[in-house]
Amino acid sequence: MDAPEFAIDIDPELLAQAERLGISVVGMSETQLRLHLQKVDPAGAEDRARRWAEENAEAIAEHNRFVEEHGPFGAEWRTW
């Protein structure tokens, strides 16, 4: 009986960065790969974070407006 095949979905951008740096991703989860790349290529991680913030700026602003108007989720149950 053949061993089961498992597919793990990893961000293609992370895979491309690992390939550029010659890093083997065998046995790594996306989280492990992301943490490793932050250590060996911090500029790449900062660039990804900057692009993510730019791509999601509209949603972040809308969320901030909602919280400003309605307060944070669960605020009515806080006792502190």
C-alpha atoms as a PDB file:
ATOM      1  CA  MET A   1       0.000   0.000   0.000  1.00  0.00           C
ATOM      2  CA  ASP A   2       1.346   3.400  -0.987  1.00  0.00           C
ATOM      3  CA  ALA A   3       1.862   6.100   1.596  1.00  0.00           C
ATOM      4  CA  PRO A   4      -0.873   8.743   1.602  1.00  0.00           C
ATOM      5  CA  GLU A   5      -0.116  11.971  -0.207  1.00  0.00           C
ATOM      6  CA  PHE A   6      -0.546  15.207   1.654  1.00  0.00           C
ATOM      7  CA  ALA A   7      -0.845  18.587   0.025  1.00  0.00           C
ATOM      8  CA  ILE A   8       0.089  21.640   2.027  1.00  0.00           C
ATOM      9  CA  ASP A   9      -0.826  24.980   0.562  1.00  0.00           C
ATOM     10  CA  ILE A  10       2.023  27.461   1.004  1.00  0.00           C
ATOM     11  CA  ASP A  11       1.988  31.046  -0.211  1.00  0.00           C
ATOM     12  CA  PRO A  12       3.626  30.991  -3.673  1.00  0.00           C
ATOM     13  CA  GLU A  13       5.484  34.208  -2.887  1.00  0.00           C
ATOM     14  CA  LEU A  14       7.166  32.514   0.092  1.00  0.00           C
ATOM     15  CA  LEU A  15       8.096  29.533  -2.067  1.00  0.00           C
ATOM     16  CA  ALA A  16       9.594  31.836  -4.702  1.00  0.00           C
ATOM     17  CA  GLN A  17      11.599  33.695  -2.061  1.00  0.00           C
ATOM     18  CA  ALA A  18      12.882  30.414  -0.609  1.00  0.00           C
ATOM     19  CA  GLU A  19      13.845  29.228  -4.092  1.00  0.00           C
ATOM     20  CA  ARG A  20      15.723  32.504  -4.795  1.00  0.00           C
ATOM     21  CA  LEU A  21      17.629  32.022  -1.536  1.00  0.00           C
ATOM     22  CA  GLY A  22      18.294  28.312  -2.172  1.00  0.00           C
ATOM     23  CA  ILE A  23      16.294  27.205   0.875  1.00  0.00           C
ATOM     24  CA  SER A  24      14.763  23.742   0.889  1.00  0.00           C
ATOM     25  CA  VAL A  25      11.163  23.805   2.098  1.00  0.00           C
ATOM     26  CA  VAL A  26      10.858  20.045   2.526  1.00  0.00           C
ATOM     27  CA  GLY A  27       9.086  19.280   5.796  1.00  0.00           C
ATOM     28  CA  MET A  28       8.278  22.935   6.549  1.00  0.00           C
ATOM     29  CA  SER A  29       4.856  24.360   7.190  1.00  0.00           C
ATOM     30  CA  GLU A  30       4.050  27.832   5.904  1.00  0.00           C
ATOM     31  CA  THR A  31       4.517  29.219   9.402  1.00  0.00           C
ATOM     32  CA  GLN A  32       7.933  27.601   9.763  1.00  0.00           C
ATOM     33  CA  LEU A  33       8.980  28.855   6.340  1.00  0.00           C
ATOM     34  CA  ARG A  34       7.742  32.369   7.106  1.00  0.00           C
ATOM     35  CA  LEU A  35       9.682  32.478  10.393  1.00  0.00           C
ATOM     36  CA  HIS A  36      12.830  31.117   8.747  1.00  0.00           C
ATOM     37  CA  LEU A  37      12.636  33.652   5.925  1.00  0.00           C
ATOM     38  CA  GLN A  38      12.201  36.486   8.438  1.00  0.00           C
ATOM     39  CA  LYS A  39      15.510  35.443   9.993  1.00  0.00           C
ATOM     40  CA  VAL A  40      17.519  34.968   6.810  1.00  0.00           C
ATOM     41  CA  ASP A  41      15.911  37.729   4.689  1.00  0.00           C
ATOM     42  CA  PRO A  42      14.353  40.387   6.934  1.00  0.00           C
ATOM     43  CA  ALA A  43      14.141  42.888   4.054  1.00  0.00           C
ATOM     44  CA  GLY A  44      11.931  40.437   2.122  1.00  0.00           C
ATOM     45  CA  ALA A  45       9.603  40.042   5.109  1.00  0.00           C
ATOM     46  CA  GLU A  46       9.388  43.812   5.536  1.00  0.00           C
ATOM     47  CA  ASP A  47       8.616  44.227   1.837  1.00  0.00           C
ATOM     48  CA  ARG A  48       5.809  41.627   2.033  1.00  0.00           C
ATOM     49  CA  ALA A  49       4.378  43.317   5.146  1.00  0.00           C
ATOM     50  CA  ARG A  50       4.452  46.732   3.450  1.00  0.00           C
ATOM     51  CA  ARG A  51       2.718  45.389   0.337  1.00  0.00           C
ATOM     52  CA  TRP A  52       0.099  43.596   2.476  1.00  0.00           C
ATOM     53  CA  ALA A  53      -0.654  46.829   4.350  1.00  0.00           C
ATOM     54  CA  GLU A  54      -0.970  48.738   1.059  1.00  0.00           C
ATOM     55  CA  GLU A  55      -3.211  46.074  -0.493  1.00  0.00           C
ATOM     56  CA  ASN A  56      -5.465  46.000   2.578  1.00  0.00           C
ATOM     57  CA  ALA A  57      -5.417  49.708   3.467  1.00  0.00           C
ATOM     58  CA  GLU A  58      -9.065  50.231   2.498  1.00  0.00           C
ATOM     59  CA  ALA A  59     -10.317  47.324   4.633  1.00  0.00           C
ATOM     60  CA  ILE A  60      -8.130  48.406   7.566  1.00  0.00           C
ATOM     61  CA  ALA A  61      -9.475  51.968   7.355  1.00  0.00           C
ATOM     62  CA  GLU A  62     -13.075  50.688   7.213  1.00  0.00           C
ATOM     63  CA  HIS A  63     -12.485  48.465  10.236  1.00  0.00           C
ATOM     64  CA  ASN A  64     -10.970  51.369  12.153  1.00  0.00           C
ATOM     65  CA  ARG A  65     -13.980  53.577  11.277  1.00  0.00           C
ATOM     66  CA  PHE A  66     -16.355  50.842  12.478  1.00  0.00           C
ATOM     67  CA  VAL A  67     -14.500  50.449  15.794  1.00  0.00           C
ATOM     68  CA  GLU A  68     -14.396  54.212  16.241  1.00  0.00           C
ATOM     69  CA  GLU A  69     -18.162  54.414  15.754  1.00  0.00           C
ATOM     70  CA  HIS A  70     -19.283  51.235  17.560  1.00  0.00           C
ATOM     71  CA  GLY A  71     -16.371  50.389  19.844  1.00  0.00           C
ATOM     72  CA  PRO A  72     -14.398  47.147  19.862  1.00  0.00           C
ATOM     73  CA  PHE A  73     -16.168  43.794  19.781  1.00  0.00           C
ATOM     74  CA  GLY A  74     -17.298  42.716  23.241  1.00  0.00           C
ATOM     75  CA  ALA A  75     -16.707  46.101  24.864  1.00  0.00           C
ATOM     76  CA  GLU A  76     -20.153  46.002  26.478  1.00  0.00           C
ATOM     77  CA  TRP A  77     -19.136  42.923  28.480  1.00  0.00           C
ATOM     78  CA  ARG A  78     -15.824  44.253  29.737  1.00  0.00           C
ATOM     79  CA  THR A  79     -15.498  44.776  33.444  1.00  0.00           C
ATOM     80  CA  TRP A  80     -12.176  46.574  33.352  1.00  0.00           C
END
